[in-house]
PDB file of N, CA and C in Angstrom:
ATOM      1  N   MET A   1       4.310  42.870   7.156  1.00  0.00           N
ATOM      2  CA  MET A   1       3.464  43.971   7.573  1.00  0.00           C
ATOM      3  C   MET A   1       4.272  44.889   8.496  1.00  0.00           C
ATOM      4  N   ALA A   2       4.270  46.164   8.201  1.00  0.00           N
ATOM      5  CA  ALA A   2       5.001  47.141   9.003  1.00  0.00           C
ATOM      6  C   ALA A   2       4.293  47.347  10.342  1.00  0.00           C
ATOM      7  N   LEU A   3       5.075  47.550  11.370  1.00  0.00           N
ATOM      8  CA  LEU A   3       4.535  47.809  12.699  1.00  0.00           C
ATOM      9  C   LEU A   3       4.627  49.309  12.949  1.00  0.00           C
ATOM     10  N   TYR A   4       3.482  49.971  12.948  1.00  0.00           N
ATOM     11  CA  TYR A   4       3.438  51.420  13.116  1.00  0.00           C
ATOM     12  C   TYR A   4       3.493  51.802  14.587  1.00  0.00           C
ATOM     13  N   GLU A   5       3.558  53.100  14.849  1.00  0.00           N
ATOM     14  CA  GLU A   5       3.729  53.603  16.214  1.00  0.00           C
ATOM     15  C   GLU A   5       2.710  53.027  17.187  1.00  0.00           C
ATOM     16  N   SER A   6       1.460  52.975  16.794  1.00  0.00           N
ATOM     17  CA  SER A   6       0.425  52.453  17.684  1.00  0.00           C
ATOM     18  C   SER A   6       0.707  51.000  18.060  1.00  0.00           C
ATOM     19  N   GLY A   7       1.035  50.194  17.074  1.00  0.00           N
ATOM     20  CA  GLY A   7       1.360  48.795  17.335  1.00  0.00           C
ATOM     21  C   GLY A   7       2.594  48.658  18.200  1.00  0.00           C
ATOM     22  N   GLN A   8       3.562  49.528  17.974  1.00  0.00           N
ATOM     23  CA  GLN A   8       4.774  49.520  18.793  1.00  0.00           C
ATOM     24  C   GLN A   8       4.440  49.827  20.242  1.00  0.00           C
ATOM     25  N   MET A   9       3.541  50.777  20.458  1.00  0.00           N
ATOM     26  CA  MET A   9       3.163  51.140  21.827  1.00  0.00           C
ATOM     27  C   MET A   9       2.490  49.970  22.534  1.00  0.00           C
ATOM     28  N   TYR A  10       1.603  49.277  21.819  1.00  0.00           N
ATOM     29  CA  TYR A  10       0.956  48.103  22.405  1.00  0.00           C
ATOM     30  C   TYR A  10       1.981  47.023  22.719  1.00  0.00           C
ATOM     31  N   LEU A  11       2.890  46.792  21.802  1.00  0.00           N
ATOM     32  CA  LEU A  11       3.902  45.762  22.002  1.00  0.00           C
ATOM     33  C   LEU A  11       4.803  46.102  23.184  1.00  0.00           C
ATOM     34  N   GLU A  12       5.183  47.357  23.298  1.00  0.00           N
ATOM     35  CA  GLU A  12       6.005  47.773  24.434  1.00  0.00           C
ATOM     36  C   GLU A  12       5.228  47.607  25.749  1.00  0.00           C
ATOM     37  N   ALA A  13       3.951  47.924  25.738  1.00  0.00           N
ATOM     38  CA  ALA A  13       3.120  47.746  26.934  1.00  0.00           C
ATOM     39  C   ALA A  13       3.045  46.274  27.326  1.00  0.00           C
ATOM     40  N   ILE A  14       2.875  45.403  26.353  1.00  0.00           N
ATOM     41  CA  ILE A  14       2.839  43.961  26.633  1.00  0.00           C
ATOM     42  C   ILE A  14       4.168  43.517  27.225  1.00  0.00           C
ATOM     43  N   TYR A  15       5.261  44.045  26.696  1.00  0.00           N
ATOM     44  CA  TYR A  15       6.585  43.720  27.220  1.00  0.00           C
ATOM     45  C   TYR A  15       6.710  44.150  28.679  1.00  0.00           C
ATOM     46  N   VAL A  16       6.347  45.384  28.979  1.00  0.00           N
ATOM     47  CA  VAL A  16       6.440  45.894  30.353  1.00  0.00           C
ATOM     48  C   VAL A  16       5.576  45.049  31.287  1.00  0.00           C
ATOM     49  N   LEU A  17       4.363  44.746  30.861  1.00  0.00           N
ATOM     50  CA  LEU A  17       3.469  43.927  31.681  1.00  0.00           C
ATOM     51  C   LEU A  17       4.015  42.513  31.862  1.00  0.00           C
ATOM     52  N   SER A  18       4.657  41.975  30.825  1.00  0.00           N
ATOM     53  CA  SER A  18       5.191  40.610  30.905  1.00  0.00           C
ATOM     54  C   SER A  18       6.362  40.515  31.876  1.00  0.00           C
ATOM     55  N   GLU A  19       7.009  41.630  32.142  1.00  0.00           N
ATOM     56  CA  GLU A  19       8.094  41.644  33.124  1.00  0.00           C
ATOM     57  C   GLU A  19       7.549  41.561  34.552  1.00  0.00           C
ATOM     58  N   LYS A  20       6.257  41.858  34.714  1.00  0.00           N
ATOM     59  CA  LYS A  20       5.633  41.860  36.037  1.00  0.00           C
ATOM     60  C   LYS A  20       4.760  40.640  36.277  1.00  0.00           C
ATOM     61  N   SER A  21       4.259  40.038  35.203  1.00  0.00           N
ATOM     62  CA  SER A  21       3.326  38.926  35.346  1.00  0.00           C
ATOM     63  C   SER A  21       3.430  37.992  34.145  1.00  0.00           C
ATOM     64  N   GLU A  22       3.216  36.703  34.391  1.00  0.00           N
ATOM     65  CA  GLU A  22       3.240  35.737  33.296  1.00  0.00           C
ATOM     66  C   GLU A  22       1.948  35.777  32.491  1.00  0.00           C
ATOM     67  N   LYS A  23       0.872  36.165  33.138  1.00  0.00           N
ATOM     68  CA  LYS A  23      -0.429  36.178  32.472  1.00  0.00           C
ATOM     69  C   LYS A  23      -0.844  37.611  32.156  1.00  0.00           C
ATOM     70  N   ILE A  24      -0.961  37.882  30.871  1.00  0.00           N
ATOM     71  CA  ILE A  24      -1.367  39.210  30.406  1.00  0.00           C
ATOM     72  C   ILE A  24      -2.562  39.024  29.505  1.00  0.00           C
ATOM     73  N   ARG A  25      -3.598  39.788  29.763  1.00  0.00           N
ATOM     74  CA  ARG A  25      -4.802  39.730  28.939  1.00  0.00           C
ATOM     75  C   ARG A  25      -5.036  41.105  28.332  1.00  0.00           C
ATOM     76  N   ALA A  26      -5.904  41.162  27.359  1.00  0.00           N
ATOM     77  CA  ALA A  26      -6.201  42.419  26.676  1.00  0.00           C
ATOM     78  C   ALA A  26      -6.658  43.494  27.659  1.00  0.00           C
ATOM     79  N   ILE A  27      -7.411  43.102  28.666  1.00  0.00           N
ATOM     80  CA  ILE A  27      -7.901  44.070  29.651  1.00  0.00           C
ATOM     81  C   ILE A  27      -6.736  44.720  30.407  1.00  0.00           C
ATOM     82  N   ASP A  28      -5.676  43.951  30.647  1.00  0.00           N
ATOM     83  CA  ASP A  28      -4.490  44.489  31.328  1.00  0.00           C
ATOM     84  C   ASP A  28      -3.785  45.523  30.453  1.00  0.00           C
ATOM     85  N   VAL A  29      -3.704  45.213  29.167  1.00  0.00           N
ATOM     86  CA  VAL A  29      -3.064  46.126  28.214  1.00  0.00           C
ATOM     87  C   VAL A  29      -3.868  47.423  28.131  1.00  0.00           C
ATOM     88  N   GLY A  30      -5.190  47.289  28.045  1.00  0.00           N
ATOM     89  CA  GLY A  30      -6.054  48.471  27.986  1.00  0.00           C
ATOM     90  C   GLY A  30      -5.925  49.334  29.226  1.00  0.00           C
ATOM     91  N   ALA A  31      -5.886  48.701  30.386  1.00  0.00           N
ATOM     92  CA  ALA A  31      -5.765  49.444  31.643  1.00  0.00           C
ATOM     93  C   ALA A  31      -4.405  50.143  31.716  1.00  0.00           C
ATOM     94  N   TYR A  32      -3.360  49.472  31.291  1.00  0.00           N
ATOM     95  CA  TYR A  32      -2.014  50.041  31.334  1.00  0.00           C
ATOM     96  C   TYR A  32      -1.913  51.275  30.432  1.00  0.00           C
ATOM     97  N   LEU A  33      -2.479  51.171  29.239  1.00  0.00           N
ATOM     98  CA  LEU A  33      -2.388  52.271  28.277  1.00  0.00           C
ATOM     99  C   LEU A  33      -3.513  53.290  28.402  1.00  0.00           C
ATOM    100  N   GLY A  34      -4.595  52.910  29.079  1.00  0.00           N
ATOM    101  CA  GLY A  34      -5.744  53.799  29.190  1.00  0.00           C
ATOM    102  C   GLY A  34      -6.573  53.837  27.913  1.00  0.00           C
ATOM    103  N   TYR A  35      -6.587  52.722  27.180  1.00  0.00           N
ATOM    104  CA  TYR A  35      -7.316  52.643  25.917  1.00  0.00           C
ATOM    105  C   TYR A  35      -8.589  51.817  26.076  1.00  0.00           C
ATOM    106  N   SER A  36      -9.537  52.041  25.177  1.00  0.00           N
ATOM    107  CA  SER A  36     -10.815  51.336  25.224  1.00  0.00           C
ATOM    108  C   SER A  36     -10.667  49.887  24.762  1.00  0.00           C
ATOM    109  N   LYS A  37     -11.631  49.067  25.173  1.00  0.00           N
ATOM    110  CA  LYS A  37     -11.628  47.654  24.811  1.00  0.00           C
ATOM    111  C   LYS A  37     -11.629  47.449  23.291  1.00  0.00           C
ATOM    112  N   PRO A  38     -12.454  48.192  22.515  1.00  0.00           N
ATOM    113  CA  PRO A  38     -12.418  48.001  21.058  1.00  0.00           C
ATOM    114  C   PRO A  38     -11.056  48.340  20.436  1.00  0.00           C
ATOM    115  N   SER A  39     -10.419  49.391  20.926  1.00  0.00           N
ATOM    116  CA  SER A  39      -9.095  49.757  20.415  1.00  0.00           C
ATOM    117  C   SER A  39      -8.082  48.662  20.701  1.00  0.00           C
ATOM    118  N   VAL A  40      -8.126  48.141  21.911  1.00  0.00           N
ATOM    119  CA  VAL A  40      -7.197  47.084  22.303  1.00  0.00           C
ATOM    120  C   VAL A  40      -7.469  45.819  21.490  1.00  0.00           C
ATOM    121  N   SER A  41      -8.726  45.475  21.307  1.00  0.00           N
ATOM    122  CA  SER A  41      -9.073  44.273  20.536  1.00  0.00           C
ATOM    123  C   SER A  41      -8.545  44.370  19.113  1.00  0.00           C
ATOM    124  N   ARG A  42      -8.706  45.518  18.514  1.00  0.00           N
ATOM    125  CA  ARG A  42      -8.209  45.715  17.142  1.00  0.00           C
ATOM    126  C   ARG A  42      -6.688  45.590  17.098  1.00  0.00           C
ATOM    127  N   ALA A  43      -6.014  46.232  18.021  1.00  0.00           N
ATOM    128  CA  ALA A  43      -4.544  46.188  18.052  1.00  0.00           C
ATOM    129  C   ALA A  43      -4.047  44.763  18.291  1.00  0.00           C
ATOM    130  N   ILE A  44      -4.689  44.054  19.197  1.00  0.00           N
ATOM    131  CA  ILE A  44      -4.297  42.670  19.483  1.00  0.00           C
ATOM    132  C   ILE A  44      -4.447  41.828  18.214  1.00  0.00           C
ATOM    133  N   GLY A  45      -5.539  42.033  17.496  1.00  0.00           N
ATOM    134  CA  GLY A  45      -5.748  41.316  16.237  1.00  0.00           C
ATOM    135  C   GLY A  45      -4.663  41.604  15.220  1.00  0.00           C
ATOM    136  N   LEU A  46      -4.256  42.857  15.112  1.00  0.00           N
ATOM    137  CA  LEU A  46      -3.194  43.231  14.173  1.00  0.00           C
ATOM    138  C   LEU A  46      -1.836  42.655  14.594  1.00  0.00           C
ATOM    139  N   LEU A  47      -1.562  42.677  15.888  1.00  0.00           N
ATOM    140  CA  LEU A  47      -0.295  42.110  16.375  1.00  0.00           C
ATOM    141  C   LEU A  47      -0.259  40.597  16.194  1.00  0.00           C
ATOM    142  N   LYS A  48      -1.417  39.943  16.328  1.00  0.00           N
ATOM    143  CA  LYS A  48      -1.491  38.500  16.047  1.00  0.00           C
ATOM    144  C   LYS A  48      -1.252  38.244  14.561  1.00  0.00           C
ATOM    145  N   ALA A  49      -1.907  39.016  13.715  1.00  0.00           N
ATOM    146  CA  ALA A  49      -1.790  38.837  12.261  1.00  0.00           C
ATOM    147  C   ALA A  49      -0.354  39.061  11.781  1.00  0.00           C
ATOM    148  N   SER A  50       0.354  39.970  12.427  1.00  0.00           N
ATOM    149  CA  SER A  50       1.740  40.257  12.043  1.00  0.00           C
ATOM    150  C   SER A  50       2.733  39.338  12.757  1.00  0.00           C
ATOM    151  N   GLU A  51       2.206  38.391  13.530  1.00  0.00           N
ATOM    152  CA  GLU A  51       3.001  37.379  14.238  1.00  0.00           C
ATOM    153  C   GLU A  51       3.963  37.954  15.269  1.00  0.00           C
ATOM    154  N   HIS A  52       3.534  39.055  15.911  1.00  0.00           N
ATOM    155  CA  HIS A  52       4.307  39.623  17.018  1.00  0.00           C
ATOM    156  C   HIS A  52       3.864  39.037  18.354  1.00  0.00           C
ATOM    157  N   ILE A  53       2.628  38.550  18.406  1.00  0.00           N
ATOM    158  CA  ILE A  53       2.088  37.945  19.624  1.00  0.00           C
ATOM    159  C   ILE A  53       1.248  36.727  19.261  1.00  0.00           C
ATOM    160  N   VAL A  54       0.984  35.912  20.276  1.00  0.00           N
ATOM    161  CA  VAL A  54      -0.004  34.833  20.178  1.00  0.00           C
ATOM    162  C   VAL A  54      -0.922  34.974  21.380  1.00  0.00           C
ATOM    163  N   VAL A  55      -2.149  34.564  21.194  1.00  0.00           N
ATOM    164  CA  VAL A  55      -3.137  34.608  22.274  1.00  0.00           C
ATOM    165  C   VAL A  55      -3.693  33.201  22.422  1.00  0.00           C
ATOM    166  N   ASP A  56      -3.599  32.652  23.643  1.00  0.00           N
ATOM    167  CA  ASP A  56      -4.086  31.289  23.843  1.00  0.00           C
ATOM    168  C   ASP A  56      -5.598  31.269  24.042  1.00  0.00           C
ATOM    169  N   ALA A  57      -6.146  30.089  24.228  1.00  0.00           N
ATOM    170  CA  ALA A  57      -7.592  29.906  24.343  1.00  0.00           C
ATOM    171  C   ALA A  57      -8.174  30.627  25.559  1.00  0.00           C
ATOM    172  N   ASP A  58      -7.364  30.884  26.575  1.00  0.00           N
ATOM    173  CA  ASP A  58      -7.824  31.589  27.773  1.00  0.00           C
ATOM    174  C   ASP A  58      -7.663  33.101  27.655  1.00  0.00           C
ATOM    175  N   GLY A  59      -7.163  33.577  26.512  1.00  0.00           N
ATOM    176  CA  GLY A  59      -6.994  35.009  26.312  1.00  0.00           C
ATOM    177  C   GLY A  59      -5.668  35.561  26.799  1.00  0.00           C
ATOM    178  N   ASN A  60      -4.758  34.678  27.173  1.00  0.00           N
ATOM    179  CA  ASN A  60      -3.446  35.121  27.640  1.00  0.00           C
ATOM    180  C   ASN A  60      -2.563  35.466  26.438  1.00  0.00           C
ATOM    181  N   ILE A  61      -1.891  36.602  26.532  1.00  0.00           N
ATOM    182  CA  ILE A  61      -1.064  37.117  25.448  1.00  0.00           C
ATOM    183  C   ILE A  61       0.404  36.797  25.726  1.00  0.00           C
ATOM    184  N   ARG A  62       1.067  36.275  24.706  1.00  0.00           N
ATOM    185  CA  ARG A  62       2.511  36.042  24.782  1.00  0.00           C
ATOM    186  C   ARG A  62       3.162  36.628  23.539  1.00  0.00           C
ATOM    187  N   MET A  63       4.339  37.179  23.709  1.00  0.00           N
ATOM    188  CA  MET A  63       5.078  37.689  22.565  1.00  0.00           C
ATOM    189  C   MET A  63       5.801  36.541  21.871  1.00  0.00           C
ATOM    190  N   THR A  64       5.858  36.607  20.567  1.00  0.00           N
ATOM    191  CA  THR A  64       6.683  35.679  19.808  1.00  0.00           C
ATOM    192  C   THR A  64       8.126  36.177  19.892  1.00  0.00           C
ATOM    193  N   PRO A  65       9.088  35.366  19.477  1.00  0.00           N
ATOM    194  CA  PRO A  65      10.469  35.876  19.450  1.00  0.00           C
ATOM    195  C   PRO A  65      10.583  37.164  18.630  1.00  0.00           C
ATOM    196  N   LYS A  66       9.881  37.225  17.529  1.00  0.00           N
ATOM    197  CA  LYS A  66       9.865  38.432  16.690  1.00  0.00           C
ATOM    198  C   LYS A  66       9.319  39.626  17.480  1.00  0.00           C
ATOM    199  N   GLY A  67       8.225  39.421  18.194  1.00  0.00           N
ATOM    200  CA  GLY A  67       7.615  40.484  18.988  1.00  0.00           C
ATOM    201  C   GLY A  67       8.491  40.914  20.142  1.00  0.00           C
ATOM    202  N   ARG A  68       9.119  39.941  20.800  1.00  0.00           N
ATOM    203  CA  ARG A  68       9.999  40.252  21.933  1.00  0.00           C
ATOM    204  C   ARG A  68      11.197  41.078  21.469  1.00  0.00           C
ATOM    205  N   GLU A  69      11.751  40.735  20.329  1.00  0.00           N
ATOM    206  CA  GLU A  69      12.901  41.483  19.808  1.00  0.00           C
ATOM    207  C   GLU A  69      12.534  42.950  19.566  1.00  0.00           C
ATOM    208  N   VAL A  70      11.402  43.184  18.938  1.00  0.00           N
ATOM    209  CA  VAL A  70      10.953  44.558  18.678  1.00  0.00           C
ATOM    210  C   VAL A  70      10.684  45.278  19.993  1.00  0.00           C
ATOM    211  N   ALA A  71       9.984  44.613  20.905  1.00  0.00           N
ATOM    212  CA  ALA A  71       9.625  45.229  22.182  1.00  0.00           C
ATOM    213  C   ALA A  71      10.866  45.581  23.006  1.00  0.00           C
ATOM    214  N   GLU A  72      11.855  44.702  23.022  1.00  0.00           N
ATOM    215  CA  GLU A  72      13.079  44.980  23.770  1.00  0.00           C
ATOM    216  C   GLU A  72      13.823  46.180  23.190  1.00  0.00           C
ATOM    217  N   GLN A  73      13.842  46.290  21.864  1.00  0.00           N
ATOM    218  CA  GLN A  73      14.484  47.443  21.232  1.00  0.00           C
ATOM    219  C   GLN A  73      13.751  48.738  21.598  1.00  0.00           C
ATOM    220  N   LEU A  74      12.427  48.699  21.551  1.00  0.00           N
ATOM    221  CA  LEU A  74      11.636  49.882  21.901  1.00  0.00           C
ATOM    222  C   LEU A  74      11.854  50.270  23.359  1.00  0.00           C
ATOM    223  N   TYR A  75      11.838  49.287  24.232  1.00  0.00           N
ATOM    224  CA  TYR A  75      12.003  49.561  25.656  1.00  0.00           C
ATOM    225  C   TYR A  75      13.389  50.143  25.936  1.00  0.00           C
ATOM    226  N   GLU A  76      14.404  49.614  25.264  1.00  0.00           N
ATOM    227  CA  GLU A  76      15.753  50.165  25.435  1.00  0.00           C
ATOM    228  C   GLU A  76      15.785  51.624  24.981  1.00  0.00           C
ATOM    229  N   ARG A  77      15.189  51.902  23.840  1.00  0.00           N
ATOM    230  CA  ARG A  77      15.140  53.276  23.345  1.00  0.00           C
ATOM    231  C   ARG A  77      14.457  54.180  24.364  1.00  0.00           C
ATOM    232  N   HIS A  78      13.308  53.731  24.847  1.00  0.00           N
ATOM    233  CA  HIS A  78      12.539  54.526  25.806  1.00  0.00           C
ATOM    234  C   HIS A  78      13.373  54.804  27.060  1.00  0.00           C
ATOM    235  N   THR A  79      14.000  53.780  27.571  1.00  0.00           N
ATOM    236  CA  THR A  79      14.773  53.900  28.805  1.00  0.00           C
ATOM    237  C   THR A  79      15.977  54.818  28.630  1.00  0.00           C
ATOM    238  N   VAL A  80      16.752  54.592  27.588  1.00  0.00           N
ATOM    239  CA  VAL A  80      17.944  55.420  27.354  1.00  0.00           C
ATOM    240  C   VAL A  80      17.553  56.874  27.127  1.00  0.00           C
ATOM    241  N   LEU A  81      16.561  57.100  26.276  1.00  0.00           N
ATOM    242  CA  LEU A  81      16.145  58.473  25.978  1.00  0.00           C
ATOM    243  C   LEU A  81      15.591  59.175  27.221  1.00  0.00           C
ATOM    244  N   THR A  82      14.825  58.453  28.039  1.00  0.00           N
ATOM    245  CA  THR A  82      14.301  59.039  29.274  1.00  0.00           C
ATOM    246  C   THR A  82      15.438  59.456  30.195  1.00  0.00           C
ATOM    247  N   HIS A  83      16.391  58.545  30.413  1.00  0.00           N
ATOM    248  CA  HIS A  83      17.524  58.853  31.293  1.00  0.00           C
ATOM    249  C   HIS A  83      18.347  60.024  30.753  1.00  0.00           C
ATOM    250  N   MET A  84      18.530  60.051  29.444  1.00  0.00           N
ATOM    251  CA  MET A  84      19.298  61.136  28.843  1.00  0.00           C
ATOM    252  C   MET A  84      18.609  62.482  29.065  1.00  0.00           C
ATOM    253  N   LEU A  85      17.296  62.525  28.850  1.00  0.00           N
ATOM    254  CA  LEU A  85      16.564  63.779  29.023  1.00  0.00           C
ATOM    255  C   LEU A  85      16.575  64.232  30.488  1.00  0.00           C
ATOM    256  N   VAL A  86      16.444  63.285  31.395  1.00  0.00           N
ATOM    257  CA  VAL A  86      16.503  63.623  32.822  1.00  0.00           C
ATOM    258  C   VAL A  86      17.887  64.182  33.153  1.00  0.00           C
ATOM    259  N   ALA A  87      18.941  63.558  32.609  1.00  0.00           N
ATOM    260  CA  ALA A  87      20.306  64.042  32.847  1.00  0.00           C
ATOM    261  C   ALA A  87      20.511  65.455  32.307  1.00  0.00           C
ATOM    262  N   LEU A  88      19.738  65.807  31.286  1.00  0.00           N
ATOM    263  CA  LEU A  88      19.820  67.160  30.724  1.00  0.00           C
ATOM    264  C   LEU A  88      19.007  68.177  31.522  1.00  0.00           C
ATOM    265  N   GLY A  89      18.280  67.696  32.548  1.00  0.00           N
ATOM    266  CA  GLY A  89      17.531  68.603  33.407  1.00  0.00           C
ATOM    267  C   GLY A  89      16.021  68.598  33.197  1.00  0.00           C
ATOM    268  N   VAL A  90      15.526  67.724  32.335  1.00  0.00           N
ATOM    269  CA  VAL A  90      14.081  67.631  32.107  1.00  0.00           C
ATOM    270  C   VAL A  90      13.474  66.832  33.256  1.00  0.00           C
ATOM    271  N   ASP A  91      12.301  67.262  33.754  1.00  0.00           N
ATOM    272  CA  ASP A  91      11.667  66.508  34.829  1.00  0.00           C
ATOM    273  C   ASP A  91      11.275  65.115  34.319  1.00  0.00           C
ATOM    274  N   ALA A  92      11.211  64.149  35.235  1.00  0.00           N
ATOM    275  CA  ALA A  92      11.023  62.739  34.879  1.00  0.00           C
ATOM    276  C   ALA A  92       9.756  62.482  34.066  1.00  0.00           C
ATOM    277  N   GLU A  93       8.658  63.115  34.433  1.00  0.00           N
ATOM    278  CA  GLU A  93       7.393  62.885  33.717  1.00  0.00           C
ATOM    279  C   GLU A  93       7.477  63.377  32.272  1.00  0.00           C
ATOM    280  N   THR A  94       7.974  64.583  32.076  1.00  0.00           N
ATOM    281  CA  THR A  94       8.119  65.131  30.724  1.00  0.00           C
ATOM    282  C   THR A  94       9.123  64.311  29.928  1.00  0.00           C
ATOM    283  N   ALA A  95      10.215  63.910  30.566  1.00  0.00           N
ATOM    284  CA  ALA A  95      11.241  63.106  29.886  1.00  0.00           C
ATOM    285  C   ALA A  95      10.652  61.799  29.378  1.00  0.00           C
ATOM    286  N   ALA A  96       9.855  61.129  30.205  1.00  0.00           N
ATOM    287  CA  ALA A  96       9.245  59.856  29.800  1.00  0.00           C
ATOM    288  C   ALA A  96       8.264  60.059  28.646  1.00  0.00           C
ATOM    289  N   GLU A  97       7.477  61.123  28.707  1.00  0.00           N
ATOM    290  CA  GLU A  97       6.512  61.408  27.629  1.00  0.00           C
ATOM    291  C   GLU A  97       7.233  61.726  26.323  1.00  0.00           C
ATOM    292  N   ASP A  98       8.274  62.553  26.402  1.00  0.00           N
ATOM    293  CA  ASP A  98       9.022  62.906  25.197  1.00  0.00           C
ATOM    294  C   ASP A  98       9.772  61.701  24.642  1.00  0.00           C
ATOM    295  N   ALA A  99      10.354  60.900  25.515  1.00  0.00           N
ATOM    296  CA  ALA A  99      11.071  59.699  25.072  1.00  0.00           C
ATOM    297  C   ALA A  99      10.126  58.763  24.332  1.00  0.00           C
ATOM    298  N   CYS A 100       8.886  58.681  24.795  1.00  0.00           N
ATOM    299  CA  CYS A 100       7.886  57.841  24.151  1.00  0.00           C
ATOM    300  C   CYS A 100       7.622  58.300  22.716  1.00  0.00           C
ATOM    301  N   ARG A 101       7.620  59.591  22.509  1.00  0.00           N
ATOM    302  CA  ARG A 101       7.411  60.116  21.151  1.00  0.00           C
ATOM    303  C   ARG A 101       8.646  59.885  20.276  1.00  0.00           C
ATOM    304  N   ILE A 102       9.808  60.182  20.837  1.00  0.00           N
ATOM    305  CA  ILE A 102      11.060  60.110  20.081  1.00  0.00           C
ATOM    306  C   ILE A 102      11.393  58.672  19.685  1.00  0.00           C
ATOM    307  N   GLU A 103      11.153  57.730  20.582  1.00  0.00           N
ATOM    308  CA  GLU A 103      11.571  56.343  20.351  1.00  0.00           C
ATOM    309  C   GLU A 103      10.988  55.740  19.080  1.00  0.00           C
ATOM    310  N   HIS A 104       9.866  56.270  18.626  1.00  0.00           N
ATOM    311  CA  HIS A 104       9.195  55.710  17.453  1.00  0.00           C
ATOM    312  C   HIS A 104       9.683  56.302  16.136  1.00  0.00           C
ATOM    313  N   VAL A 105      10.376  57.420  16.192  1.00  0.00           N
ATOM    314  CA  VAL A 105      10.772  58.088  14.949  1.00  0.00           C
ATOM    315  C   VAL A 105      12.284  58.190  14.753  1.00  0.00           C
ATOM    316  N   ILE A 106      13.058  58.018  15.797  1.00  0.00           N
ATOM    317  CA  ILE A 106      14.502  58.150  15.671  1.00  0.00           C
ATOM    318  C   ILE A 106      15.057  56.950  14.890  1.00  0.00           C
ATOM    319  N   SER A 107      15.999  57.219  13.993  1.00  0.00           N
ATOM    320  CA  SER A 107      16.605  56.140  13.205  1.00  0.00           C
ATOM    321  C   SER A 107      17.525  55.306  14.095  1.00  0.00           C
ATOM    322  N   GLU A 108      17.804  54.106  13.660  1.00  0.00           N
ATOM    323  CA  GLU A 108      18.711  53.233  14.408  1.00  0.00           C
ATOM    324  C   GLU A 108      20.106  53.862  14.484  1.00  0.00           C
ATOM    325  N   LYS A 109      20.528  54.475  13.398  1.00  0.00           N
ATOM    326  CA  LYS A 109      21.846  55.116  13.355  1.00  0.00           C
ATOM    327  C   LYS A 109      21.932  56.248  14.382  1.00  0.00           C
ATOM    328  N   SER A 110      20.929  57.102  14.424  1.00  0.00           N
ATOM    329  CA  SER A 110      20.926  58.223  15.375  1.00  0.00           C
ATOM    330  C   SER A 110      20.800  57.723  16.808  1.00  0.00           C
ATOM    331  N   PHE A 111      19.942  56.714  17.034  1.00  0.00           N
ATOM    332  CA  PHE A 111      19.789  56.201  18.395  1.00  0.00           C
ATOM    333  C   PHE A 111      21.104  55.604  18.889  1.00  0.00           C
ATOM    334  N   THR A 112      21.767  54.853  18.041  1.00  0.00           N
ATOM    335  CA  THR A 112      23.045  54.251  18.433  1.00  0.00           C
ATOM    336  C   THR A 112      24.050  55.329  18.823  1.00  0.00           C
ATOM    337  N   ALA A 113      24.109  56.406  18.050  1.00  0.00           N
ATOM    338  CA  ALA A 113      25.028  57.508  18.367  1.00  0.00           C
ATOM    339  C   ALA A 113      24.655  58.166  19.694  1.00  0.00           C
ATOM    340  N   VAL A 114      23.370  58.410  19.914  1.00  0.00           N
ATOM    341  CA  VAL A 114      22.906  59.016  21.162  1.00  0.00           C
ATOM    342  C   VAL A 114      23.242  58.099  22.335  1.00  0.00           C
ATOM    343  N   LYS A 115      22.951  56.835  22.180  1.00  0.00           N
ATOM    344  CA  LYS A 115      23.188  55.859  23.248  1.00  0.00           C
ATOM    345  C   LYS A 115      24.676  55.786  23.599  1.00  0.00           C
ATOM    346  N   GLU A 116      25.526  55.674  22.587  1.00  0.00           N
ATOM    347  CA  GLU A 116      26.967  55.594  22.846  1.00  0.00           C
ATOM    348  C   GLU A 116      27.487  56.863  23.505  1.00  0.00           C
ATOM    349  N   HIS A 117      27.014  58.016  23.041  1.00  0.00           N
ATOM    350  CA  HIS A 117      27.439  59.282  23.637  1.00  0.00           C
ATOM    351  C   HIS A 117      26.975  59.372  25.091  1.00  0.00           C
ATOM    352  N   PHE A 118      25.730  59.031  25.333  1.00  0.00           N
ATOM    353  CA  PHE A 118      25.187  59.118  26.686  1.00  0.00           C
ATOM    354  C   PHE A 118      25.902  58.149  27.624  1.00  0.00           C
ATOM    355  N   LEU A 119      26.140  56.918  27.181  1.00  0.00           N
ATOM    356  CA  LEU A 119      26.818  55.941  28.035  1.00  0.00           C
ATOM    357  C   LEU A 119      28.259  56.375  28.313  1.00  0.00           C
ATOM    358  N   HIS A 120      28.923  56.957  27.329  1.00  0.00           N
ATOM    359  CA  HIS A 120      30.282  57.483  27.516  1.00  0.00           C
ATOM    360  C   HIS A 120      30.260  58.636  28.521  1.00  0.00           C
ATOM    361  N   TYR A 121      29.279  59.513  28.390  1.00  0.00           N
ATOM    362  CA  TYR A 121      29.120  60.657  29.286  1.00  0.00           C
ATOM    363  C   TYR A 121      28.906  60.170  30.730  1.00  0.00           C
ATOM    364  N   LYS A 122      28.048  59.151  30.887  1.00  0.00           N
ATOM    365  CA  LYS A 122      27.763  58.630  32.221  1.00  0.00           C
ATOM    366  C   LYS A 122      29.018  58.059  32.884  1.00  0.00           C
ATOM    367  N   LYS A 123      29.846  57.387  32.096  1.00  0.00           N
ATOM    368  CA  LYS A 123      31.072  56.807  32.650  1.00  0.00           C
ATOM    369  C   LYS A 123      32.023  57.881  33.145  1.00  0.00           C
ATOM    370  N   GLU A 124      32.068  59.011  32.433  1.00  0.00           N
ATOM    371  CA  GLU A 124      32.996  60.091  32.805  1.00  0.00           C
ATOM    372  C   GLU A 124      32.489  60.890  33.993  1.00  0.00           C
ATOM    373  N   ASN A 125      31.205  60.857  34.253  1.00  0.00           N
ATOM    374  CA  ASN A 125      30.641  61.681  35.343  1.00  0.00           C
ATOM    375  C   ASN A 125      30.148  60.844  36.439  1.00  0.00           C
TER     376      ASN A 125
END
């Protein structure tokens, strides 16, 4: 099952929350993203069905290795793209919003080129 942009956003949110706390529940994900309980419930169900997450009997969400791999890639994209846009003079809030949009559509080949160029640029400056 393909993981579309919406699912990617939920997975990235779970990843960010998991870096701050061991216990993550659907309500935490909804609060972080500003989404309604029904939307979060549906997304959680889809992420479970695609084996990106598991939810225990207490409602705690954990990423599977498959889910963690995807989430880490998304988070890296978001972080690199945000820093790159800020370095180009974009304000931090706009950079983060734009990076969030770009991270879901940029190809792996293009992202790798952007990342290598940006990291090379940072070393020289």
